[in-house]
Amino acid sequence: MWQKEQVLIEIRSAIEQLILHLKTDKSCLWTAHFEKQLRHINDLIEYGYVDDDLYQLSSSIRAVYGGMGSFNDYYNPNQSKERNELIEKFGSSNDLSSKVYDLAIKLKQSG
């Protein structure tokens, strides 16, 4: 498997896991952004892509990171059994957020 495909599969998995976390907070404004990115990734995997598609995807994912009021300032205030199970299974939403960002950088470099 090519490195590009592997990174796409890894970032898809990380975003799926992050979305599960975000959905535990019904007021989270960031869920829709990551669901959109997930649909885009699935389309690229299914229908193919060129390097520019990977660069654009990376930029789109990273666009919500950095600056005041950005996604990396988000804190999920909800504590629940479901969220604790997600943390145990996949790690914290902060860990997943960092993983998604790092994979987006890797995707940009592989493109």
N, C-alpha and C. Protein backbone atom coordinates (compact mmCIF):
# COMPACT_ATOMS: atom_id res chain seq x y z
N MET A 1 0.84 -1.18 0.00
CA MET A 1 0.00 0.00 0.00
C MET A 1 0.89 1.25 0.00
N TRP A 2 0.51 2.20 -0.81
CA TRP A 2 1.27 3.44 -0.90
C TRP A 2 1.13 4.23 0.38
N GLN A 3 2.15 5.01 0.69
CA GLN A 3 2.13 5.82 1.90
C GLN A 3 0.91 6.75 1.93
N LYS A 4 0.56 7.32 0.79
CA LYS A 4 -0.58 8.24 0.73
C LYS A 4 -1.86 7.54 1.16
N GLU A 5 -2.07 6.33 0.64
CA GLU A 5 -3.28 5.58 0.99
C GLU A 5 -3.29 5.23 2.47
N GLN A 6 -2.13 4.87 3.00
CA GLN A 6 -2.04 4.52 4.42
C GLN A 6 -2.37 5.72 5.30
N VAL A 7 -1.88 6.88 4.93
CA VAL A 7 -2.16 8.09 5.71
C VAL A 7 -3.65 8.43 5.61
N LEU A 8 -4.25 8.28 4.43
CA LEU A 8 -5.69 8.52 4.29
C LEU A 8 -6.49 7.59 5.20
N ILE A 9 -6.12 6.34 5.24
CA ILE A 9 -6.82 5.37 6.08
C ILE A 9 -6.64 5.71 7.56
N GLU A 10 -5.43 6.09 7.94
CA GLU A 10 -5.17 6.46 9.34
C GLU A 10 -5.93 7.72 9.74
N ILE A 11 -5.96 8.72 8.87
CA ILE A 11 -6.65 9.96 9.23
C ILE A 11 -8.16 9.74 9.24
N ARG A 12 -8.66 8.88 8.37
CA ARG A 12 -10.09 8.55 8.39
C ARG A 12 -10.45 7.94 9.74
N SER A 13 -9.66 6.99 10.19
CA SER A 13 -9.92 6.33 11.47
C SER A 13 -9.86 7.33 12.63
N ALA A 14 -8.85 8.19 12.64
CA ALA A 14 -8.70 9.17 13.72
C ALA A 14 -9.87 10.16 13.73
N ILE A 15 -10.32 10.58 12.56
CA ILE A 15 -11.45 11.52 12.49
C ILE A 15 -12.74 10.81 12.92
N GLU A 16 -12.93 9.57 12.52
CA GLU A 16 -14.11 8.82 12.97
C GLU A 16 -14.16 8.76 14.49
N GLN A 17 -13.02 8.48 15.10
CA GLN A 17 -12.94 8.39 16.56
C GLN A 17 -13.17 9.76 17.21
N LEU A 18 -12.59 10.79 16.61
CA LEU A 18 -12.78 12.15 17.14
C LEU A 18 -14.26 12.55 17.06
N ILE A 19 -14.91 12.23 15.97
CA ILE A 19 -16.33 12.56 15.82
C ILE A 19 -17.16 11.88 16.91
N LEU A 20 -16.84 10.65 17.24
CA LEU A 20 -17.56 9.98 18.33
C LEU A 20 -17.46 10.79 19.62
N HIS A 21 -16.27 11.30 19.91
CA HIS A 21 -16.08 12.14 21.09
C HIS A 21 -16.90 13.42 20.98
N LEU A 22 -16.81 14.09 19.84
CA LEU A 22 -17.49 15.37 19.68
C LEU A 22 -19.00 15.22 19.80
N LYS A 23 -19.53 14.11 19.34
CA LYS A 23 -20.98 13.90 19.40
C LYS A 23 -21.50 13.72 20.82
N THR A 24 -20.61 13.51 21.79
CA THR A 24 -21.07 13.43 23.18
C THR A 24 -21.40 14.82 23.72
N ASP A 25 -20.99 15.86 22.99
CA ASP A 25 -21.31 17.24 23.34
C ASP A 25 -22.26 17.77 22.27
N LYS A 26 -23.54 17.77 22.58
CA LYS A 26 -24.58 18.16 21.61
C LYS A 26 -24.41 19.61 21.13
N SER A 27 -23.72 20.43 21.90
CA SER A 27 -23.54 21.83 21.51
C SER A 27 -22.23 22.08 20.76
N CYS A 28 -21.49 21.03 20.46
CA CYS A 28 -20.19 21.19 19.80
C CYS A 28 -20.38 21.71 18.37
N LEU A 29 -19.71 22.81 18.09
CA LEU A 29 -19.80 23.43 16.76
C LEU A 29 -18.85 22.80 15.75
N TRP A 30 -17.95 21.93 16.19
CA TRP A 30 -16.90 21.42 15.33
C TRP A 30 -17.26 20.09 14.68
N THR A 31 -18.30 19.43 15.16
CA THR A 31 -18.66 18.11 14.64
C THR A 31 -18.91 18.15 13.13
N ALA A 32 -19.67 19.13 12.67
CA ALA A 32 -20.00 19.22 11.24
C ALA A 32 -18.74 19.36 10.37
N HIS A 33 -17.77 20.13 10.85
CA HIS A 33 -16.53 20.29 10.08
C HIS A 33 -15.84 18.95 9.88
N PHE A 34 -15.73 18.17 10.94
CA PHE A 34 -15.02 16.90 10.83
C PHE A 34 -15.84 15.85 10.09
N GLU A 35 -17.16 15.92 10.18
CA GLU A 35 -18.00 15.02 9.38
C GLU A 35 -17.82 15.33 7.89
N LYS A 36 -17.71 16.60 7.55
CA LYS A 36 -17.47 17.01 6.15
C LYS A 36 -16.12 16.48 5.67
N GLN A 37 -15.10 16.60 6.51
CA GLN A 37 -13.77 16.10 6.15
C GLN A 37 -13.81 14.58 5.96
N LEU A 38 -14.55 13.89 6.81
CA LEU A 38 -14.67 12.44 6.70
C LEU A 38 -15.34 12.05 5.38
N ARG A 39 -16.39 12.75 5.00
CA ARG A 39 -17.04 12.46 3.70
C ARG A 39 -16.05 12.69 2.56
N HIS A 40 -15.27 13.75 2.64
CA HIS A 40 -14.28 14.05 1.60
C HIS A 40 -13.25 12.93 1.51
N ILE A 41 -12.76 12.48 2.66
CA ILE A 41 -11.78 11.39 2.69
C ILE A 41 -12.36 10.13 2.06
N ASN A 42 -13.58 9.80 2.44
CA ASN A 42 -14.22 8.61 1.88
C ASN A 42 -14.38 8.71 0.37
N ASP A 43 -14.71 9.90 -0.12
CA ASP A 43 -14.81 10.11 -1.58
C ASP A 43 -13.45 9.92 -2.25
N LEU A 44 -12.40 10.45 -1.66
CA LEU A 44 -11.06 10.31 -2.24
C LEU A 44 -10.64 8.84 -2.28
N ILE A 45 -10.93 8.12 -1.21
CA ILE A 45 -10.57 6.70 -1.17
C ILE A 45 -11.36 5.92 -2.21
N GLU A 46 -12.64 6.24 -2.34
CA GLU A 46 -13.50 5.49 -3.26
C GLU A 46 -13.26 5.85 -4.72
N TYR A 47 -13.11 7.15 -5.01
CA TYR A 47 -13.07 7.60 -6.40
C TYR A 47 -11.69 7.97 -6.91
N GLY A 48 -10.71 8.01 -6.02
CA GLY A 48 -9.35 8.34 -6.44
C GLY A 48 -9.03 9.81 -6.21
N TYR A 49 -7.77 10.14 -6.39
CA TYR A 49 -7.29 11.49 -6.09
C TYR A 49 -5.98 11.74 -6.79
N VAL A 50 -5.64 13.00 -6.86
CA VAL A 50 -4.32 13.44 -7.30
C VAL A 50 -3.67 14.13 -6.11
N ASP A 51 -2.39 14.40 -6.20
CA ASP A 51 -1.66 14.98 -5.09
C ASP A 51 -2.29 16.29 -4.59
N ASP A 52 -2.79 17.10 -5.52
CA ASP A 52 -3.41 18.37 -5.12
C ASP A 52 -4.63 18.14 -4.22
N ASP A 53 -5.37 17.05 -4.45
CA ASP A 53 -6.52 16.73 -3.60
C ASP A 53 -6.07 16.50 -2.15
N LEU A 54 -4.93 15.82 -1.98
CA LEU A 54 -4.42 15.55 -0.64
C LEU A 54 -3.96 16.84 0.04
N TYR A 55 -3.34 17.71 -0.73
CA TYR A 55 -2.90 19.00 -0.19
C TYR A 55 -4.11 19.82 0.25
N GLN A 56 -5.14 19.86 -0.58
CA GLN A 56 -6.36 20.61 -0.25
C GLN A 56 -7.05 20.02 0.97
N LEU A 57 -7.13 18.70 1.06
CA LEU A 57 -7.72 18.05 2.23
C LEU A 57 -6.94 18.41 3.48
N SER A 58 -5.63 18.33 3.41
CA SER A 58 -4.79 18.67 4.55
C SER A 58 -5.05 20.11 4.99
N SER A 59 -5.11 21.02 4.06
CA SER A 59 -5.35 22.43 4.37
C SER A 59 -6.73 22.63 5.00
N SER A 60 -7.71 21.94 4.48
CA SER A 60 -9.07 22.07 4.99
C SER A 60 -9.18 21.55 6.42
N ILE A 61 -8.54 20.45 6.70
CA ILE A 61 -8.55 19.89 8.05
C ILE A 61 -7.83 20.84 9.01
N ARG A 62 -6.66 21.32 8.61
CA ARG A 62 -5.84 22.16 9.48
C ARG A 62 -6.40 23.56 9.66
N ALA A 63 -7.33 23.97 8.82
CA ALA A 63 -7.87 25.33 8.85
C ALA A 63 -8.55 25.69 10.17
N VAL A 64 -9.03 24.70 10.92
CA VAL A 64 -9.73 24.99 12.17
C VAL A 64 -8.80 24.99 13.38
N TYR A 65 -7.53 24.71 13.15
CA TYR A 65 -6.54 24.70 14.23
C TYR A 65 -5.81 26.03 14.26
N GLY A 66 -5.50 26.52 15.45
CA GLY A 66 -4.68 27.72 15.59
C GLY A 66 -5.49 28.98 15.71
N GLY A 67 -5.03 29.87 16.53
CA GLY A 67 -5.71 31.15 16.73
C GLY A 67 -6.76 31.07 17.82
N MET A 68 -7.18 32.23 18.29
CA MET A 68 -8.18 32.29 19.36
C MET A 68 -9.52 31.77 18.84
N GLY A 69 -10.18 30.99 19.67
CA GLY A 69 -11.49 30.47 19.30
C GLY A 69 -11.43 29.31 18.32
N SER A 70 -10.25 28.77 18.10
CA SER A 70 -10.11 27.68 17.14
C SER A 70 -10.41 26.34 17.80
N PHE A 71 -10.39 25.30 17.00
CA PHE A 71 -10.72 23.97 17.50
C PHE A 71 -9.79 23.52 18.62
N ASN A 72 -8.53 23.89 18.56
CA ASN A 72 -7.63 23.43 19.62
C ASN A 72 -7.93 24.12 20.96
N ASP A 73 -8.82 25.10 21.00
CA ASP A 73 -9.29 25.68 22.25
C ASP A 73 -10.52 24.94 22.79
N TYR A 74 -11.08 24.04 21.99
CA TYR A 74 -12.31 23.35 22.38
C TYR A 74 -12.06 22.41 23.55
N TYR A 75 -12.99 22.45 24.49
CA TYR A 75 -12.96 21.54 25.63
C TYR A 75 -14.36 20.95 25.77
N ASN A 76 -14.44 19.63 25.79
CA ASN A 76 -15.73 18.95 25.96
C ASN A 76 -16.06 18.91 27.45
N PRO A 77 -17.08 19.64 27.87
CA PRO A 77 -17.40 19.72 29.30
C PRO A 77 -18.20 18.52 29.82
N ASN A 78 -18.67 17.69 28.91
CA ASN A 78 -19.55 16.59 29.29
C ASN A 78 -18.79 15.40 29.82
N GLN A 79 -19.22 14.93 30.96
CA GLN A 79 -18.67 13.71 31.53
C GLN A 79 -19.79 12.67 31.52
N SER A 80 -19.53 11.54 30.93
CA SER A 80 -20.54 10.50 30.88
C SER A 80 -19.85 9.14 30.79
N LYS A 81 -20.62 8.12 31.03
CA LYS A 81 -20.10 6.76 30.89
C LYS A 81 -19.64 6.53 29.45
N GLU A 82 -20.45 7.01 28.50
CA GLU A 82 -20.11 6.85 27.07
C GLU A 82 -18.77 7.52 26.75
N ARG A 83 -18.61 8.73 27.24
CA ARG A 83 -17.35 9.45 26.95
C ARG A 83 -16.16 8.77 27.62
N ASN A 84 -16.34 8.30 28.84
CA ASN A 84 -15.27 7.58 29.52
C ASN A 84 -14.88 6.32 28.77
N GLU A 85 -15.86 5.63 28.21
CA GLU A 85 -15.58 4.43 27.41
C GLU A 85 -14.81 4.80 26.14
N LEU A 86 -15.17 5.91 25.52
CA LEU A 86 -14.45 6.37 24.33
C LEU A 86 -13.01 6.72 24.66
N ILE A 87 -12.81 7.38 25.79
CA ILE A 87 -11.45 7.74 26.22
C ILE A 87 -10.63 6.48 26.45
N GLU A 88 -11.24 5.50 27.09
CA GLU A 88 -10.54 4.25 27.36
C GLU A 88 -10.19 3.51 26.07
N LYS A 89 -11.11 3.55 25.11
CA LYS A 89 -10.92 2.80 23.87
C LYS A 89 -9.99 3.52 22.87
N PHE A 90 -10.18 4.84 22.72
CA PHE A 90 -9.47 5.58 21.66
C PHE A 90 -8.50 6.65 22.16
N GLY A 91 -8.54 6.97 23.43
CA GLY A 91 -7.77 8.09 23.96
C GLY A 91 -8.68 9.30 24.09
N SER A 92 -8.14 10.36 24.65
CA SER A 92 -8.94 11.58 24.86
C SER A 92 -9.18 12.31 23.54
N SER A 93 -10.16 13.20 23.57
CA SER A 93 -10.42 14.00 22.38
C SER A 93 -9.22 14.90 22.08
N ASN A 94 -8.51 15.35 23.10
CA ASN A 94 -7.29 16.15 22.86
C ASN A 94 -6.23 15.33 22.16
N ASP A 95 -6.06 14.07 22.59
CA ASP A 95 -5.09 13.18 21.92
C ASP A 95 -5.48 12.96 20.46
N LEU A 96 -6.76 12.72 20.23
CA LEU A 96 -7.23 12.49 18.86
C LEU A 96 -7.11 13.74 18.01
N SER A 97 -7.39 14.89 18.61
CA SER A 97 -7.25 16.16 17.90
C SER A 97 -5.81 16.35 17.42
N SER A 98 -4.86 16.08 18.31
CA SER A 98 -3.45 16.19 17.94
C SER A 98 -3.08 15.18 16.87
N LYS A 99 -3.60 13.98 16.98
CA LYS A 99 -3.32 12.94 15.99
C LYS A 99 -3.85 13.34 14.62
N VAL A 100 -5.08 13.87 14.58
CA VAL A 100 -5.66 14.32 13.30
C VAL A 100 -4.79 15.42 12.69
N TYR A 101 -4.36 16.38 13.48
CA TYR A 101 -3.52 17.46 12.98
C TYR A 101 -2.20 16.92 12.44
N ASP A 102 -1.56 16.04 13.22
CA ASP A 102 -0.27 15.47 12.79
C ASP A 102 -0.43 14.68 11.50
N LEU A 103 -1.52 13.92 11.38
CA LEU A 103 -1.74 13.16 10.15
C LEU A 103 -2.05 14.07 8.98
N ALA A 104 -2.71 15.20 9.22
CA ALA A 104 -2.96 16.16 8.15
C ALA A 104 -1.65 16.74 7.63
N ILE A 105 -0.72 17.00 8.54
CA ILE A 105 0.62 17.46 8.13
C ILE A 105 1.30 16.37 7.30
N LYS A 106 1.22 15.14 7.77
CA LYS A 106 1.83 14.01 7.06
C LYS A 106 1.20 13.84 5.68
N LEU A 107 -0.12 14.04 5.61
CA LEU A 107 -0.82 13.93 4.34
C LEU A 107 -0.32 14.99 3.37
N LYS A 108 -0.14 16.20 3.86
CA LYS A 108 0.37 17.30 3.02
C LYS A 108 1.78 16.94 2.49
N GLN A 109 2.60 16.35 3.34
CA GLN A 109 3.96 15.99 2.95
C GLN A 109 3.99 14.80 1.99
N SER A 110 2.97 13.93 2.07
CA SER A 110 2.96 12.77 1.19
C SER A 110 2.38 13.11 -0.17
N GLY A 111 1.67 14.26 -0.24
CA GLY A 111 1.01 14.66 -1.48
C GLY A 111 1.95 15.24 -2.49
